[in-house]
Amino acid sequence: MNERQRLILNRMLDGFQGPMNTSKYAKLAKCSPDTALRDTRNLLTRGLLVQNPGGGRSTSYRLPDLEALKAAEP
């Protein structure tokens, strides 16, 4: 996990208001939208973010439910 991803996850755990999207990610992490999208996709594959229903321009992400994280543990 890189420093940008750590920053965003910590912000979300500390009570970030509203859903996260790639443009908010890019602004908070001070990176390009393309980098934000790559980071977000990486967090999705790791199970650390979950995509909200909807897509296209309204694609947003949230933290997974605690029960889902416990079930994914080895």
C-alpha atoms as a PDB file:
ATOM      1  CA  MET A   1       0.000   0.000   0.000  1.00  0.00           C
ATOM      2  CA  ASN A   2       1.399   3.398  -0.899  1.00  0.00           C
ATOM      3  CA  GLU A   3       1.330   6.626   1.107  1.00  0.00           C
ATOM      4  CA  ARG A   4      -1.575   8.108  -0.898  1.00  0.00           C
ATOM      5  CA  GLN A   5      -3.724   5.044  -0.247  1.00  0.00           C
ATOM      6  CA  ARG A   6      -2.860   5.118   3.448  1.00  0.00           C
ATOM      7  CA  LEU A   7      -3.805   8.813   3.617  1.00  0.00           C
ATOM      8  CA  ILE A   8      -7.184   8.268   1.964  1.00  0.00           C
ATOM      9  CA  LEU A   9      -8.095   5.210   4.045  1.00  0.00           C
ATOM     10  CA  ASN A  10      -7.189   7.059   7.246  1.00  0.00           C
ATOM     11  CA  ARG A  11      -9.343  10.026   6.180  1.00  0.00           C
ATOM     12  CA  MET A  12     -12.263   7.690   5.485  1.00  0.00           C
ATOM     13  CA  LEU A  13     -11.813   5.914   8.827  1.00  0.00           C
ATOM     14  CA  ASP A  14     -11.733   9.281  10.616  1.00  0.00           C
ATOM     15  CA  GLY A  15     -15.264  10.102   9.474  1.00  0.00           C
ATOM     16  CA  PHE A  16     -14.936  11.468   5.937  1.00  0.00           C
ATOM     17  CA  GLN A  17     -18.352  12.836   4.969  1.00  0.00           C
ATOM     18  CA  GLY A  18     -20.019  11.500   1.848  1.00  0.00           C
ATOM     19  CA  PRO A  19     -18.825   8.908  -0.623  1.00  0.00           C
ATOM     20  CA  MET A  20     -15.306   8.929  -2.032  1.00  0.00           C
ATOM     21  CA  ASN A  21     -14.804   9.281  -5.775  1.00  0.00           C
ATOM     22  CA  THR A  22     -11.682   9.581  -7.888  1.00  0.00           C
ATOM     23  CA  SER A  23     -11.813  13.372  -8.168  1.00  0.00           C
ATOM     24  CA  LYS A  24     -12.030  13.760  -4.372  1.00  0.00           C
ATOM     25  CA  TYR A  25      -9.250  11.181  -4.022  1.00  0.00           C
ATOM     26  CA  ALA A  26      -7.047  13.131  -6.456  1.00  0.00           C
ATOM     27  CA  LYS A  27      -7.594  16.409  -4.586  1.00  0.00           C
ATOM     28  CA  LEU A  28      -6.978  14.936  -1.133  1.00  0.00           C
ATOM     29  CA  ALA A  29      -3.941  12.906  -2.184  1.00  0.00           C
ATOM     30  CA  LYS A  30      -2.602  15.680  -4.446  1.00  0.00           C
ATOM     31  CA  CYS A  31      -2.213  13.403  -7.439  1.00  0.00           C
ATOM     32  CA  SER A  32      -3.560  13.147 -10.982  1.00  0.00           C
ATOM     33  CA  PRO A  33      -7.013  11.673 -11.655  1.00  0.00           C
ATOM     34  CA  ASP A  34      -5.343   8.759 -13.475  1.00  0.00           C
ATOM     35  CA  THR A  35      -3.195   7.959 -10.430  1.00  0.00           C
ATOM     36  CA  ALA A  36      -6.268   8.230  -8.200  1.00  0.00           C
ATOM     37  CA  LEU A  37      -8.099   5.742 -10.423  1.00  0.00           C
ATOM     38  CA  ARG A  38      -5.165   3.275 -10.345  1.00  0.00           C
ATOM     39  CA  ASP A  39      -4.929   3.573  -6.553  1.00  0.00           C
ATOM     40  CA  THR A  40      -8.685   3.110  -6.188  1.00  0.00           C
ATOM     41  CA  ARG A  41      -8.699   0.022  -8.408  1.00  0.00           C
ATOM     42  CA  ASN A  42      -5.842  -1.420  -6.359  1.00  0.00           C
ATOM     43  CA  LEU A  43      -7.783  -0.851  -3.120  1.00  0.00           C
ATOM     44  CA  LEU A  44     -10.862  -2.468  -4.684  1.00  0.00           C
ATOM     45  CA  THR A  45      -8.934  -5.618  -5.624  1.00  0.00           C
ATOM     46  CA  ARG A  46      -7.507  -5.802  -2.097  1.00  0.00           C
ATOM     47  CA  GLY A  47     -11.018  -5.544  -0.635  1.00  0.00           C
ATOM     48  CA  LEU A  48     -10.228  -2.316   1.234  1.00  0.00           C
ATOM     49  CA  LEU A  49     -12.813  -0.313  -0.725  1.00  0.00           C
ATOM     50  CA  VAL A  50     -16.208  -1.302  -2.096  1.00  0.00           C
ATOM     51  CA  GLN A  51     -17.858   0.311  -5.104  1.00  0.00           C
ATOM     52  CA  ASN A  52     -21.274   1.824  -4.398  1.00  0.00           C
ATOM     53  CA  PRO A  53     -24.188   1.001  -6.719  1.00  0.00           C
ATOM     54  CA  GLY A  54     -24.213   3.142  -9.831  1.00  0.00           C
ATOM     55  CA  GLY A  55     -21.461   3.866 -12.248  1.00  0.00           C
ATOM     56  CA  GLY A  56     -20.150   6.151 -14.888  1.00  0.00           C
ATOM     57  CA  ARG A  57     -19.694   9.697 -13.667  1.00  0.00           C
ATOM     58  CA  SER A  58     -21.384   8.868 -10.366  1.00  0.00           C
ATOM     59  CA  THR A  59     -19.044   6.004  -9.417  1.00  0.00           C
ATOM     60  CA  SER A  60     -18.204   6.251  -5.729  1.00  0.00           C
ATOM     61  CA  TYR A  61     -16.581   4.084  -3.098  1.00  0.00           C
ATOM     62  CA  ARG A  62     -16.948   3.298   0.589  1.00  0.00           C
ATOM     63  CA  LEU A  63     -15.198   1.258   3.211  1.00  0.00           C
ATOM     64  CA  PRO A  64     -16.352  -2.368   3.411  1.00  0.00           C
ATOM     65  CA  ASP A  65     -18.563  -3.521   6.256  1.00  0.00           C
ATOM     66  CA  LEU A  66     -16.650  -4.837   9.250  1.00  0.00           C
ATOM     67  CA  GLU A  67     -18.307  -8.264   8.876  1.00  0.00           C
ATOM     68  CA  ALA A  68     -17.106  -8.521   5.280  1.00  0.00           C
ATOM     69  CA  LEU A  69     -13.539  -7.769   6.344  1.00  0.00           C
ATOM     70  CA  LYS A  70     -13.653 -10.418   9.077  1.00  0.00           C
ATOM     71  CA  ALA A  71     -14.951 -12.988   6.599  1.00  0.00           C
ATOM     72  CA  ALA A  72     -12.065 -12.214   4.211  1.00  0.00           C
ATOM     73  CA  GLU A  73      -9.371 -12.822   6.831  1.00  0.00           C
ATOM     74  CA  PRO A  74      -7.416 -16.068   6.348  1.00  0.00           C
END
